[in-house]
């Protein structure tokens, strides 16, 4: 099983590859969860501007969760704050 730091790294790599501004450097945390009898690392972070973004490019953060397989370390998808299921992208 991968540890929390590897799960965070996998989620960040997935976010950087598939989205723009979908990783909040100031806030991200991991916890093990079970969904439909399958265990995942759930990574909570925000859709947020870069820390060094100028004032005119700032916006309020919005929650997003990434899901990482604890056995393989692969990020399998994400859920936004309005999603009910895990979505995949770029796989």
PDB file of N, CA and C in Angstrom:
ATOM      1  N   UNK A   1       0.844  -1.178   0.000  1.00  0.00           N
ATOM      2  CA  UNK A   1       0.000   0.000   0.000  1.00  0.00           C
ATOM      3  C   UNK A   1       0.891   1.243   0.000  1.00  0.00           C
ATOM      4  N   UNK A   2       0.522   2.230  -0.814  1.00  0.00           N
ATOM      5  CA  UNK A   2       1.296   3.472  -0.846  1.00  0.00           C
ATOM      6  C   UNK A   2       0.945   4.328   0.373  1.00  0.00           C
ATOM      7  N   UNK A   3       1.858   5.205   0.738  1.00  0.00           N
ATOM      8  CA  UNK A   3       1.611   6.069   1.890  1.00  0.00           C
ATOM      9  C   UNK A   3       0.937   7.376   1.452  1.00  0.00           C
ATOM     10  N   UNK A   4       0.617   8.184   2.434  1.00  0.00           N
ATOM     11  CA  UNK A   4      -0.106   9.440   2.191  1.00  0.00           C
ATOM     12  C   UNK A   4       0.661  10.378   1.257  1.00  0.00           C
ATOM     13  N   UNK A   5       1.965  10.486   1.430  1.00  0.00           N
ATOM     14  CA  UNK A   5       2.763  11.397   0.604  1.00  0.00           C
ATOM     15  C   UNK A   5       2.768  10.971  -0.862  1.00  0.00           C
ATOM     16  N   UNK A   6       2.836   9.673  -1.129  1.00  0.00           N
ATOM     17  CA  UNK A   6       2.792   9.188  -2.514  1.00  0.00           C
ATOM     18  C   UNK A   6       1.409   9.404  -3.116  1.00  0.00           C
ATOM     19  N   UNK A   7       0.367   9.268  -2.312  1.00  0.00           N
ATOM     20  CA  UNK A   7      -0.996   9.525  -2.790  1.00  0.00           C
ATOM     21  C   UNK A   7      -1.167  10.997  -3.150  1.00  0.00           C
ATOM     22  N   UNK A   8      -0.645  11.880  -2.310  1.00  0.00           N
ATOM     23  CA  UNK A   8      -0.707  13.315  -2.610  1.00  0.00           C
ATOM     24  C   UNK A   8       0.051  13.635  -3.894  1.00  0.00           C
ATOM     25  N   UNK A   9       1.220  13.038  -4.074  1.00  0.00           N
ATOM     26  CA  UNK A   9       2.019  13.271  -5.280  1.00  0.00           C
ATOM     27  C   UNK A   9       1.293  12.774  -6.528  1.00  0.00           C
ATOM     28  N   UNK A  10       0.643  11.614  -6.442  1.00  0.00           N
ATOM     29  CA  UNK A  10      -0.101  11.071  -7.586  1.00  0.00           C
ATOM     30  C   UNK A  10      -1.277  11.973  -7.945  1.00  0.00           C
ATOM     31  N   UNK A  11      -1.986  12.461  -6.942  1.00  0.00           N
ATOM     32  CA  UNK A  11      -3.127  13.343  -7.195  1.00  0.00           C
ATOM     33  C   UNK A  11      -2.671  14.665  -7.804  1.00  0.00           C
ATOM     34  N   UNK A  12      -1.571  15.218  -7.305  1.00  0.00           N
ATOM     35  CA  UNK A  12      -1.062  16.481  -7.846  1.00  0.00           C
ATOM     36  C   UNK A  12      -0.622  16.302  -9.296  1.00  0.00           C
ATOM     37  N   UNK A  13       0.049  15.197  -9.601  1.00  0.00           N
ATOM     38  CA  UNK A  13       0.477  14.926 -10.977  1.00  0.00           C
ATOM     39  C   UNK A  13      -0.733  14.816 -11.902  1.00  0.00           C
ATOM     40  N   UNK A  14      -1.784  14.141 -11.439  1.00  0.00           N
ATOM     41  CA  UNK A  14      -3.023  14.005 -12.216  1.00  0.00           C
ATOM     42  C   UNK A  14      -3.651  15.377 -12.453  1.00  0.00           C
ATOM     43  N   UNK A  15      -3.721  16.187 -11.403  1.00  0.00           N
ATOM     44  CA  UNK A  15      -4.311  17.525 -11.515  1.00  0.00           C
ATOM     45  C   UNK A  15      -3.515  18.390 -12.482  1.00  0.00           C
ATOM     46  N   UNK A  16      -2.195  18.364 -12.370  1.00  0.00           N
ATOM     47  CA  UNK A  16      -1.348  19.177 -13.246  1.00  0.00           C
ATOM     48  C   UNK A  16      -1.455  18.743 -14.703  1.00  0.00           C
ATOM     49  N   UNK A  17      -1.601  17.446 -14.937  1.00  0.00           N
ATOM     50  CA  UNK A  17      -1.676  16.922 -16.307  1.00  0.00           C
ATOM     51  C   UNK A  17      -3.026  17.212 -16.966  1.00  0.00           C
ATOM     52  N   UNK A  18      -4.102  17.150 -16.189  1.00  0.00           N
ATOM     53  CA  UNK A  18      -5.438  17.193 -16.772  1.00  0.00           C
ATOM     54  C   UNK A  18      -6.190  18.510 -16.624  1.00  0.00           C
ATOM     55  N   UNK A  19      -5.741  19.389 -15.754  1.00  0.00           N
ATOM     56  CA  UNK A  19      -6.492  20.607 -15.467  1.00  0.00           C
ATOM     57  C   UNK A  19      -5.560  21.801 -15.316  1.00  0.00           C
ATOM     58  N   UNK A  20      -6.175  22.972 -15.233  1.00  0.00           N
ATOM     59  CA  UNK A  20      -5.449  24.196 -14.912  1.00  0.00           C
ATOM     60  C   UNK A  20      -6.003  24.740 -13.598  1.00  0.00           C
ATOM     61  N   UNK A  21      -5.147  25.093 -12.680  1.00  0.00           N
ATOM     62  CA  UNK A  21      -5.534  25.660 -11.374  1.00  0.00           C
ATOM     63  C   UNK A  21      -6.378  24.705 -10.533  1.00  0.00           C
ATOM     64  N   UNK A  22      -6.154  23.413 -10.629  1.00  0.00           N
ATOM     65  CA  UNK A  22      -6.949  22.447  -9.854  1.00  0.00           C
ATOM     66  C   UNK A  22      -6.133  21.774  -8.760  1.00  0.00           C
ATOM     67  N   UNK A  23      -5.185  22.499  -8.209  1.00  0.00           N
ATOM     68  CA  UNK A  23      -4.433  22.027  -7.050  1.00  0.00           C
ATOM     69  C   UNK A  23      -4.083  23.243  -6.218  1.00  0.00           C
ATOM     70  N   UNK A  24      -4.516  23.235  -4.983  1.00  0.00           N
ATOM     71  CA  UNK A  24      -4.268  24.348  -4.071  1.00  0.00           C
ATOM     72  C   UNK A  24      -3.021  24.034  -3.251  1.00  0.00           C
ATOM     73  N   UNK A  25      -1.934  24.751  -3.523  1.00  0.00           N
ATOM     74  CA  UNK A  25      -0.677  24.521  -2.802  1.00  0.00           C
ATOM     75  C   UNK A  25      -0.815  24.815  -1.310  1.00  0.00           C
ATOM     76  N   UNK A  26      -1.775  25.667  -0.948  1.00  0.00           N
ATOM     77  CA  UNK A  26      -1.953  26.047   0.453  1.00  0.00           C
ATOM     78  C   UNK A  26      -2.813  25.042   1.227  1.00  0.00           C
ATOM     79  N   UNK A  27      -3.580  24.203   0.521  1.00  0.00           N
ATOM     80  CA  UNK A  27      -4.462  23.259   1.212  1.00  0.00           C
ATOM     81  C   UNK A  27      -4.594  21.970   0.418  1.00  0.00           C
ATOM     82  N   UNK A  28      -4.192  20.879   1.007  1.00  0.00           N
ATOM     83  CA  UNK A  28      -4.433  19.538   0.479  1.00  0.00           C
ATOM     84  C   UNK A  28      -4.197  18.539   1.608  1.00  0.00           C
ATOM     85  N   UNK A  29      -5.100  17.590   1.732  1.00  0.00           N
ATOM     86  CA  UNK A  29      -4.959  16.555   2.757  1.00  0.00           C
ATOM     87  C   UNK A  29      -5.513  15.242   2.237  1.00  0.00           C
ATOM     88  N   UNK A  30      -5.019  14.155   2.805  1.00  0.00           N
ATOM     89  CA  UNK A  30      -5.394  12.817   2.345  1.00  0.00           C
ATOM     90  C   UNK A  30      -6.015  12.013   3.476  1.00  0.00           C
ATOM     91  N   UNK A  31      -6.977  11.168   3.107  1.00  0.00           N
ATOM     92  CA  UNK A  31      -7.560  10.229   4.064  1.00  0.00           C
ATOM     93  C   UNK A  31      -7.987   8.980   3.306  1.00  0.00           C
ATOM     94  N   UNK A  32      -7.916   7.845   3.975  1.00  0.00           N
ATOM     95  CA  UNK A  32      -8.377   6.595   3.369  1.00  0.00           C
ATOM     96  C   UNK A  32      -9.892   6.513   3.510  1.00  0.00           C
ATOM     97  N   UNK A  33     -10.576   6.229   2.403  1.00  0.00           N
ATOM     98  CA  UNK A  33     -12.035   6.094   2.403  1.00  0.00           C
ATOM     99  C   UNK A  33     -12.404   4.808   1.675  1.00  0.00           C
ATOM    100  N   UNK A  34     -13.632   4.361   1.890  1.00  0.00           N
ATOM    101  CA  UNK A  34     -14.152   3.193   1.185  1.00  0.00           C
ATOM    102  C   UNK A  34     -15.403   3.609   0.430  1.00  0.00           C
ATOM    103  N   UNK A  35     -15.399   3.354  -0.886  1.00  0.00           N
ATOM    104  CA  UNK A  35     -16.541   3.667  -1.743  1.00  0.00           C
ATOM    105  C   UNK A  35     -16.914   2.396  -2.487  1.00  0.00           C
ATOM    106  N   UNK A  36     -18.147   1.957  -2.341  1.00  0.00           N
ATOM    107  CA  UNK A  36     -18.621   0.722  -2.984  1.00  0.00           C
ATOM    108  C   UNK A  36     -17.687  -0.456  -2.700  1.00  0.00           C
ATOM    109  N   UNK A  37     -17.299  -0.601  -1.443  1.00  0.00           N
ATOM    110  CA  UNK A  37     -16.435  -1.691  -0.978  1.00  0.00           C
ATOM    111  C   UNK A  37     -15.029  -1.670  -1.575  1.00  0.00           C
ATOM    112  N   UNK A  38     -14.599  -0.524  -2.083  1.00  0.00           N
ATOM    113  CA  UNK A  38     -13.249  -0.365  -2.618  1.00  0.00           C
ATOM    114  C   UNK A  38     -12.580   0.766  -1.844  1.00  0.00           C
ATOM    115  N   UNK A  39     -11.341   0.527  -1.426  1.00  0.00           N
ATOM    116  CA  UNK A  39     -10.624   1.534  -0.652  1.00  0.00           C
ATOM    117  C   UNK A  39      -9.823   2.452  -1.575  1.00  0.00           C
ATOM    118  N   UNK A  40      -9.833   3.758  -1.272  1.00  0.00           N
ATOM    119  CA  UNK A  40      -9.089   4.772  -2.020  1.00  0.00           C
ATOM    120  C   UNK A  40      -8.454   5.750  -1.043  1.00  0.00           C
ATOM    121  N   UNK A  41      -7.392   6.393  -1.509  1.00  0.00           N
ATOM    122  CA  UNK A  41      -6.944   7.605  -0.852  1.00  0.00           C
ATOM    123  C   UNK A  41      -7.797   8.721  -1.433  1.00  0.00           C
ATOM    124  N   UNK A  42      -8.485   9.464  -0.585  1.00  0.00           N
ATOM    125  CA  UNK A  42      -9.271  10.618  -1.022  1.00  0.00           C
ATOM    126  C   UNK A  42      -8.446  11.860  -0.701  1.00  0.00           C
ATOM    127  N   UNK A  43      -8.127  12.624  -1.725  1.00  0.00           N
ATOM    128  CA  UNK A  43      -7.301  13.813  -1.571  1.00  0.00           C
ATOM    129  C   UNK A  43      -8.196  15.038  -1.698  1.00  0.00           C
ATOM    130  N   UNK A  44      -8.333  15.776  -0.610  1.00  0.00           N
ATOM    131  CA  UNK A  44      -9.116  17.013  -0.608  1.00  0.00           C
ATOM    132  C   UNK A  44      -8.198  18.184  -0.915  1.00  0.00           C
ATOM    133  N   UNK A  45      -8.603  18.998  -1.877  1.00  0.00           N
ATOM    134  CA  UNK A  45      -7.881  20.225  -2.208  1.00  0.00           C
ATOM    135  C   UNK A  45      -8.890  21.190  -2.817  1.00  0.00           C
ATOM    136  N   UNK A  46      -8.416  22.212  -3.481  1.00  0.00           N
ATOM    137  CA  UNK A  46      -9.302  23.210  -4.073  1.00  0.00           C
ATOM    138  C   UNK A  46      -8.892  23.538  -5.494  1.00  0.00           C
ATOM    139  N   UNK A  47      -9.877  23.952  -6.280  1.00  0.00           N
ATOM    140  CA  UNK A  47      -9.598  24.636  -7.531  1.00  0.00           C
ATOM    141  C   UNK A  47      -9.255  26.051  -7.088  1.00  0.00           C
ATOM    142  N   UNK A  48      -8.017  26.451  -7.281  1.00  0.00           N
ATOM    143  CA  UNK A  48      -7.568  27.726  -6.734  1.00  0.00           C
ATOM    144  C   UNK A  48      -6.500  28.343  -7.634  1.00  0.00           C
ATOM    145  N   UNK A  49      -6.350  29.653  -7.563  1.00  0.00           N
ATOM    146  CA  UNK A  49      -5.297  30.302  -8.350  1.00  0.00           C
ATOM    147  C   UNK A  49      -3.924  29.979  -7.766  1.00  0.00           C
ATOM    148  N   UNK A  50      -2.864  30.088  -8.567  1.00  0.00           N
ATOM    149  CA  UNK A  50      -1.520  29.891  -8.024  1.00  0.00           C
ATOM    150  C   UNK A  50      -1.252  30.896  -6.902  1.00  0.00           C
ATOM    151  N   UNK A  51      -0.383  30.529  -5.970  1.00  0.00           N
ATOM    152  CA  UNK A  51      -0.090  31.405  -4.837  1.00  0.00           C
ATOM    153  C   UNK A  51       0.473  32.751  -5.276  1.00  0.00           C
ATOM    154  N   UNK A  52       1.188  32.777  -6.396  1.00  0.00           N
ATOM    155  CA  UNK A  52       1.802  34.021  -6.857  1.00  0.00           C
ATOM    156  C   UNK A  52       0.979  34.747  -7.926  1.00  0.00           C
ATOM    157  N   UNK A  53      -0.281  34.372  -8.095  1.00  0.00           N
ATOM    158  CA  UNK A  53      -1.133  35.012  -9.107  1.00  0.00           C
ATOM    159  C   UNK A  53      -1.373  36.476  -8.751  1.00  0.00           C
ATOM    160  N   UNK A  54      -1.345  37.365  -9.757  1.00  0.00           N
ATOM    161  CA  UNK A  54      -1.639  38.771  -9.485  1.00  0.00           C
ATOM    162  C   UNK A  54      -3.094  38.948  -9.046  1.00  0.00           C
ATOM    163  N   UNK A  55      -3.371  40.067  -8.428  1.00  0.00           N
ATOM    164  CA  UNK A  55      -4.692  40.328  -7.868  1.00  0.00           C
ATOM    165  C   UNK A  55      -5.815  40.121  -8.890  1.00  0.00           C
ATOM    166  N   UNK A  56      -5.614  40.593 -10.115  1.00  0.00           N
ATOM    167  CA  UNK A  56      -6.677  40.497 -11.123  1.00  0.00           C
ATOM    168  C   UNK A  56      -6.912  39.071 -11.621  1.00  0.00           C
ATOM    169  N   UNK A  57      -6.086  38.118 -11.196  1.00  0.00           N
ATOM    170  CA  UNK A  57      -6.281  36.713 -11.567  1.00  0.00           C
ATOM    171  C   UNK A  57      -6.703  35.858 -10.373  1.00  0.00           C
ATOM    172  N   UNK A  58      -6.990  36.485  -9.247  1.00  0.00           N
ATOM    173  CA  UNK A  58      -7.428  35.769  -8.052  1.00  0.00           C
ATOM    174  C   UNK A  58      -8.907  35.398  -8.168  1.00  0.00           C
ATOM    175  N   UNK A  59      -9.294  34.275  -7.586  1.00  0.00           N
ATOM    176  CA  UNK A  59     -10.694  33.878  -7.499  1.00  0.00           C
ATOM    177  C   UNK A  59     -10.866  33.021  -6.255  1.00  0.00           C
ATOM    178  N   UNK A  60     -12.124  32.885  -5.802  1.00  0.00           N
ATOM    179  CA  UNK A  60     -12.392  32.090  -4.610  1.00  0.00           C
ATOM    180  C   UNK A  60     -12.189  30.608  -4.910  1.00  0.00           C
ATOM    181  N   UNK A  61     -11.590  29.863  -3.983  1.00  0.00           N
ATOM    182  CA  UNK A  61     -11.382  28.432  -4.198  1.00  0.00           C
ATOM    183  C   UNK A  61     -12.693  27.650  -4.174  1.00  0.00           C
ATOM    184  N   UNK A  62     -12.675  26.522  -4.851  1.00  0.00           N
ATOM    185  CA  UNK A  62     -13.819  25.617  -4.898  1.00  0.00           C
ATOM    186  C   UNK A  62     -13.302  24.203  -4.630  1.00  0.00           C
ATOM    187  N   UNK A  63     -13.961  23.430  -3.762  1.00  0.00           N
ATOM    188  CA  UNK A  63     -13.432  22.112  -3.392  1.00  0.00           C
ATOM    189  C   UNK A  63     -13.420  21.109  -4.549  1.00  0.00           C
ATOM    190  N   UNK A  64     -12.398  20.279  -4.552  1.00  0.00           N
ATOM    191  CA  UNK A  64     -12.295  19.161  -5.484  1.00  0.00           C
ATOM    192  C   UNK A  64     -11.598  18.020  -4.743  1.00  0.00           C
ATOM    193  N   UNK A  65     -11.997  16.782  -5.055  1.00  0.00           N
ATOM    194  CA  UNK A  65     -11.403  15.598  -4.432  1.00  0.00           C
ATOM    195  C   UNK A  65     -10.858  14.695  -5.527  1.00  0.00           C
ATOM    196  N   UNK A  66      -9.656  14.189  -5.302  1.00  0.00           N
ATOM    197  CA  UNK A  66      -9.044  13.218  -6.200  1.00  0.00           C
ATOM    198  C   UNK A  66      -9.014  11.871  -5.490  1.00  0.00           C
ATOM    199  N   UNK A  67      -9.078  10.789  -6.274  1.00  0.00           N
ATOM    200  CA  UNK A  67      -9.106   9.436  -5.716  1.00  0.00           C
ATOM    201  C   UNK A  67      -7.937   8.635  -6.269  1.00  0.00           C
ATOM    202  N   UNK A  68      -7.147   8.088  -5.357  1.00  0.00           N
ATOM    203  CA  UNK A  68      -5.936   7.356  -5.714  1.00  0.00           C
ATOM    204  C   UNK A  68      -6.062   5.921  -5.216  1.00  0.00           C
ATOM    205  N   UNK A  69      -5.772   4.965  -6.108  1.00  0.00           N
ATOM    206  CA  UNK A  69      -5.766   3.550  -5.741  1.00  0.00           C
ATOM    207  C   UNK A  69      -4.600   3.310  -4.781  1.00  0.00           C
ATOM    208  N   UNK A  70      -4.869   2.842  -3.558  1.00  0.00           N
ATOM    209  CA  UNK A  70      -3.787   2.677  -2.583  1.00  0.00           C
ATOM    210  C   UNK A  70      -2.827   1.533  -2.905  1.00  0.00           C
ATOM    211  N   UNK A  71      -3.219   0.631  -3.782  1.00  0.00           N
ATOM    212  CA  UNK A  71      -2.341  -0.488  -4.147  1.00  0.00           C
ATOM    213  C   UNK A  71      -1.403  -0.122  -5.291  1.00  0.00           C
ATOM    214  N   UNK A  72      -1.927   0.562  -6.318  1.00  0.00           N
ATOM    215  CA  UNK A  72      -1.127   0.873  -7.502  1.00  0.00           C
ATOM    216  C   UNK A  72      -0.554   2.281  -7.493  1.00  0.00           C
ATOM    217  N   UNK A  73      -1.159   3.190  -6.734  1.00  0.00           N
ATOM    218  CA  UNK A  73      -0.724   4.583  -6.727  1.00  0.00           C
ATOM    219  C   UNK A  73      -1.260   5.389  -7.894  1.00  0.00           C
ATOM    220  N   UNK A  74      -2.183   4.804  -8.668  1.00  0.00           N
ATOM    221  CA  UNK A  74      -2.761   5.506  -9.820  1.00  0.00           C
ATOM    222  C   UNK A  74      -3.935   6.368  -9.365  1.00  0.00           C
ATOM    223  N   UNK A  75      -3.946   7.617  -9.822  1.00  0.00           N
ATOM    224  CA  UNK A  75      -5.095   8.481  -9.562  1.00  0.00           C
ATOM    225  C   UNK A  75      -6.172   8.094 -10.566  1.00  0.00           C
ATOM    226  N   UNK A  76      -7.318   7.647 -10.068  1.00  0.00           N
ATOM    227  CA  UNK A  76      -8.350   7.110 -10.956  1.00  0.00           C
ATOM    228  C   UNK A  76      -9.397   8.141 -11.353  1.00  0.00           C
ATOM    229  N   UNK A  77      -9.436   9.288 -10.682  1.00  0.00           N
ATOM    230  CA  UNK A  77     -10.417  10.296 -11.056  1.00  0.00           C
ATOM    231  C   UNK A  77     -10.624  11.343  -9.987  1.00  0.00           C
ATOM    232  N   UNK A  78     -11.721  12.084 -10.140  1.00  0.00           N
ATOM    233  CA  UNK A  78     -11.988  13.219  -9.266  1.00  0.00           C
ATOM    234  C   UNK A  78     -13.487  13.412  -9.070  1.00  0.00           C
ATOM    235  N   UNK A  79     -13.837  14.181  -8.051  1.00  0.00           N
ATOM    236  CA  UNK A  79     -15.211  14.631  -7.827  1.00  0.00           C
ATOM    237  C   UNK A  79     -15.153  16.103  -7.460  1.00  0.00           C
ATOM    238  N   UNK A  80     -15.979  16.902  -8.129  1.00  0.00           N
ATOM    239  CA  UNK A  80     -16.138  18.295  -7.732  1.00  0.00           C
ATOM    240  C   UNK A  80     -17.170  18.375  -6.626  1.00  0.00           C
ATOM    241  N   UNK A  81     -17.408  19.570  -6.118  1.00  0.00           N
ATOM    242  CA  UNK A  81     -18.331  19.698  -4.989  1.00  0.00           C
ATOM    243  C   UNK A  81     -19.783  19.416  -5.366  1.00  0.00           C
ATOM    244  N   UNK A  82     -20.106  19.343  -6.643  1.00  0.00           N
ATOM    245  CA  UNK A  82     -21.474  19.028  -7.068  1.00  0.00           C
ATOM    246  C   UNK A  82     -21.617  17.625  -7.653  1.00  0.00           C
ATOM    247  N   UNK A  83     -20.527  16.891  -7.766  1.00  0.00           N
ATOM    248  CA  UNK A  83     -20.565  15.561  -8.377  1.00  0.00           C
ATOM    249  C   UNK A  83     -20.966  14.497  -7.368  1.00  0.00           C
ATOM    250  N   UNK A  84     -21.700  13.509  -7.844  1.00  0.00           N
ATOM    251  CA  UNK A  84     -22.088  12.384  -6.994  1.00  0.00           C
ATOM    252  C   UNK A  84     -21.253  11.134  -7.288  1.00  0.00           C
ATOM    253  N   UNK A  85     -20.576  11.114  -8.436  1.00  0.00           N
ATOM    254  CA  UNK A  85     -19.751   9.960  -8.781  1.00  0.00           C
ATOM    255  C   UNK A  85     -18.343  10.424  -9.139  1.00  0.00           C
ATOM    256  N   UNK A  86     -17.429   9.482  -9.195  1.00  0.00           N
ATOM    257  CA  UNK A  86     -16.046   9.779  -9.564  1.00  0.00           C
ATOM    258  C   UNK A  86     -15.958   9.856 -11.083  1.00  0.00           C
ATOM    259  N   UNK A  87     -15.409  10.956 -11.586  1.00  0.00           N
ATOM    260  CA  UNK A  87     -15.221  11.143 -13.020  1.00  0.00           C
ATOM    261  C   UNK A  87     -13.761  10.901 -13.373  1.00  0.00           C
ATOM    262  N   UNK A  88     -13.528  10.382 -14.573  1.00  0.00           N
ATOM    263  CA  UNK A  88     -12.168  10.171 -15.053  1.00  0.00           C
ATOM    264  C   UNK A  88     -11.905  11.130 -16.200  1.00  0.00           C
ATOM    265  N   UNK A  89     -10.644  11.431 -16.392  1.00  0.00           N
ATOM    266  CA  UNK A  89     -10.268  12.339 -17.472  1.00  0.00           C
ATOM    267  C   UNK A  89      -8.836  12.015 -17.875  1.00  0.00           C
ATOM    268  N   UNK A  90      -8.596  11.986 -19.173  1.00  0.00           N
ATOM    269  CA  UNK A  90      -7.241  11.784 -19.654  1.00  0.00           C
ATOM    270  C   UNK A  90      -6.692  10.390 -19.449  1.00  0.00           C
ATOM    271  N   UNK A  91      -7.569   9.409 -19.272  1.00  0.00           N
ATOM    272  CA  UNK A  91      -7.099   8.044 -19.055  1.00  0.00           C
ATOM    273  C   UNK A  91      -7.254   7.239 -20.310  1.00  0.00           C
TER     274      UNK A  91
END
